[in-house]
Amino acid sequence: MAQILVRNLDEHVKAGLARRAARHGRSLEAEARAILAEAVGPPEQGLGSRIAQRFAGIGLDEPLEPMPAITIRPVTFD
């Protein structure tokens, strides 16, 4: 895991962070981690993963039925 050091943090910001941490039942450090993680958002997923997640649970996991045989004829313009 990475570490960061925040220098020159105003005292009122630290006090506000401490109050917020107490409301959430977390340490000051855990609260700062939660705020940063929320600000950045979840890691990016690939397109295929996003599509699979969007359609998960709607019944598309079942195998497809074979399509009936269709005779295809070329179009004529006579």
C-alpha atoms as a PDB file:
ATOM      1  CA  MET A   1       0.000   0.000   0.000  1.00  0.00           C
ATOM      2  CA  ALA A   2       1.141   3.524  -0.719  1.00  0.00           C
ATOM      3  CA  GLN A   3       1.545   6.284   1.841  1.00  0.00           C
ATOM      4  CA  ILE A   4       1.192  10.031   1.576  1.00  0.00           C
ATOM      5  CA  LEU A   5       2.057  12.864   3.932  1.00  0.00           C
ATOM      6  CA  VAL A   6      -0.064  16.014   3.952  1.00  0.00           C
ATOM      7  CA  ARG A   7       1.909  19.051   5.095  1.00  0.00           C
ATOM      8  CA  ASN A   8       0.639  22.471   6.140  1.00  0.00           C
ATOM      9  CA  LEU A   9      -2.899  21.283   6.872  1.00  0.00           C
ATOM     10  CA  ASP A  10      -4.911  24.048   8.553  1.00  0.00           C
ATOM     11  CA  GLU A  11      -5.894  23.293  12.140  1.00  0.00           C
ATOM     12  CA  HIS A  12      -9.613  23.853  11.435  1.00  0.00           C
ATOM     13  CA  VAL A  13      -9.442  21.256   8.624  1.00  0.00           C
ATOM     14  CA  LYS A  14      -7.838  18.735  10.964  1.00  0.00           C
ATOM     15  CA  ALA A  15     -10.428  19.470  13.666  1.00  0.00           C
ATOM     16  CA  GLY A  16     -13.268  19.079  11.168  1.00  0.00           C
ATOM     17  CA  LEU A  17     -11.797  15.816   9.954  1.00  0.00           C
ATOM     18  CA  ALA A  18     -11.536  14.592  13.539  1.00  0.00           C
ATOM     19  CA  ARG A  19     -15.224  15.459  14.190  1.00  0.00           C
ATOM     20  CA  ARG A  20     -16.276  13.697  11.008  1.00  0.00           C
ATOM     21  CA  ALA A  21     -14.188  10.644  11.922  1.00  0.00           C
ATOM     22  CA  ALA A  22     -15.815  10.526  15.375  1.00  0.00           C
ATOM     23  CA  ARG A  23     -19.303  10.668  13.806  1.00  0.00           C
ATOM     24  CA  HIS A  24     -18.418   7.692  11.607  1.00  0.00           C
ATOM     25  CA  GLY A  25     -16.642   5.800  14.400  1.00  0.00           C
ATOM     26  CA  ARG A  26     -13.312   5.828  12.563  1.00  0.00           C
ATOM     27  CA  SER A  27      -9.821   7.051  13.255  1.00  0.00           C
ATOM     28  CA  LEU A  28      -8.619  10.274  11.686  1.00  0.00           C
ATOM     29  CA  GLU A  29      -6.467   8.270   9.273  1.00  0.00           C
ATOM     30  CA  ALA A  30      -9.309   5.897   8.323  1.00  0.00           C
ATOM     31  CA  GLU A  31     -11.618   8.854   7.697  1.00  0.00           C
ATOM     32  CA  ALA A  32      -9.038  10.513   5.422  1.00  0.00           C
ATOM     33  CA  ARG A  33      -8.663   7.228   3.495  1.00  0.00           C
ATOM     34  CA  ALA A  34     -12.438   6.942   3.091  1.00  0.00           C
ATOM     35  CA  ILE A  35     -12.721  10.528   1.816  1.00  0.00           C
ATOM     36  CA  LEU A  36      -9.895  10.045  -0.683  1.00  0.00           C
ATOM     37  CA  ALA A  37     -11.259   6.704  -1.921  1.00  0.00           C
ATOM     38  CA  GLU A  38     -14.720   8.229  -2.439  1.00  0.00           C
ATOM     39  CA  ALA A  39     -13.256  11.233  -4.274  1.00  0.00           C
ATOM     40  CA  VAL A  40     -11.290   9.056  -6.698  1.00  0.00           C
ATOM     41  CA  GLY A  41     -14.050   6.505  -7.267  1.00  0.00           C
ATOM     42  CA  PRO A  42     -13.783   2.835  -8.138  1.00  0.00           C
ATOM     43  CA  PRO A  43     -11.008   1.556 -10.392  1.00  0.00           C
ATOM     44  CA  GLU A  44     -11.812   1.678 -14.083  1.00  0.00           C
ATOM     45  CA  GLN A  45     -13.123  -1.474 -15.702  1.00  0.00           C
ATOM     46  CA  GLY A  46     -12.770  -2.566 -19.278  1.00  0.00           C
ATOM     47  CA  LEU A  47     -15.691  -2.254 -21.664  1.00  0.00           C
ATOM     48  CA  GLY A  48     -16.495  -5.973 -21.564  1.00  0.00           C
ATOM     49  CA  SER A  49     -16.610  -5.977 -17.761  1.00  0.00           C
ATOM     50  CA  ARG A  50     -18.898  -2.929 -17.712  1.00  0.00           C
ATOM     51  CA  ILE A  51     -21.281  -4.539 -20.241  1.00  0.00           C
ATOM     52  CA  ALA A  52     -21.324  -7.824 -18.295  1.00  0.00           C
ATOM     53  CA  GLN A  53     -22.027  -5.952 -15.054  1.00  0.00           C
ATOM     54  CA  ARG A  54     -24.841  -3.937 -16.611  1.00  0.00           C
ATOM     55  CA  PHE A  55     -26.654  -7.026 -17.917  1.00  0.00           C
ATOM     56  CA  ALA A  56     -25.877  -9.381 -15.014  1.00  0.00           C
ATOM     57  CA  GLY A  57     -28.909 -11.102 -13.519  1.00  0.00           C
ATOM     58  CA  ILE A  58     -31.414 -10.549 -16.319  1.00  0.00           C
ATOM     59  CA  GLY A  59     -31.266 -14.065 -17.745  1.00  0.00           C
ATOM     60  CA  LEU A  60     -28.735 -13.672 -20.525  1.00  0.00           C
ATOM     61  CA  ASP A  61     -26.428 -16.303 -19.013  1.00  0.00           C
ATOM     62  CA  GLU A  62     -28.447 -19.171 -20.464  1.00  0.00           C
ATOM     63  CA  PRO A  63     -27.377 -20.758 -23.758  1.00  0.00           C
ATOM     64  CA  LEU A  64     -29.148 -19.494 -26.870  1.00  0.00           C
ATOM     65  CA  GLU A  65     -31.494 -21.729 -28.815  1.00  0.00           C
ATOM     66  CA  PRO A  66     -30.304 -22.558 -32.324  1.00  0.00           C
ATOM     67  CA  MET A  67     -31.931 -20.481 -35.030  1.00  0.00           C
ATOM     68  CA  PRO A  68     -34.086 -22.313 -37.560  1.00  0.00           C
ATOM     69  CA  ALA A  69     -32.557 -22.908 -40.969  1.00  0.00           C
ATOM     70  CA  ILE A  70     -33.459 -20.118 -43.368  1.00  0.00           C
ATOM     71  CA  THR A  71     -32.768 -20.204 -47.074  1.00  0.00           C
ATOM     72  CA  ILE A  72     -31.229 -16.968 -48.180  1.00  0.00           C
ATOM     73  CA  ARG A  73     -31.772 -15.908 -51.778  1.00  0.00           C
ATOM     74  CA  PRO A  74     -30.008 -13.031 -53.442  1.00  0.00           C
ATOM     75  CA  VAL A  75     -32.130 -10.040 -54.359  1.00  0.00           C
ATOM     76  CA  THR A  76     -32.878  -9.551 -58.079  1.00  0.00           C
ATOM     77  CA  PHE A  77     -33.929  -6.280 -59.622  1.00  0.00           C
ATOM     78  CA  ASP A  78     -35.627  -7.559 -62.767  1.00  0.00           C
END
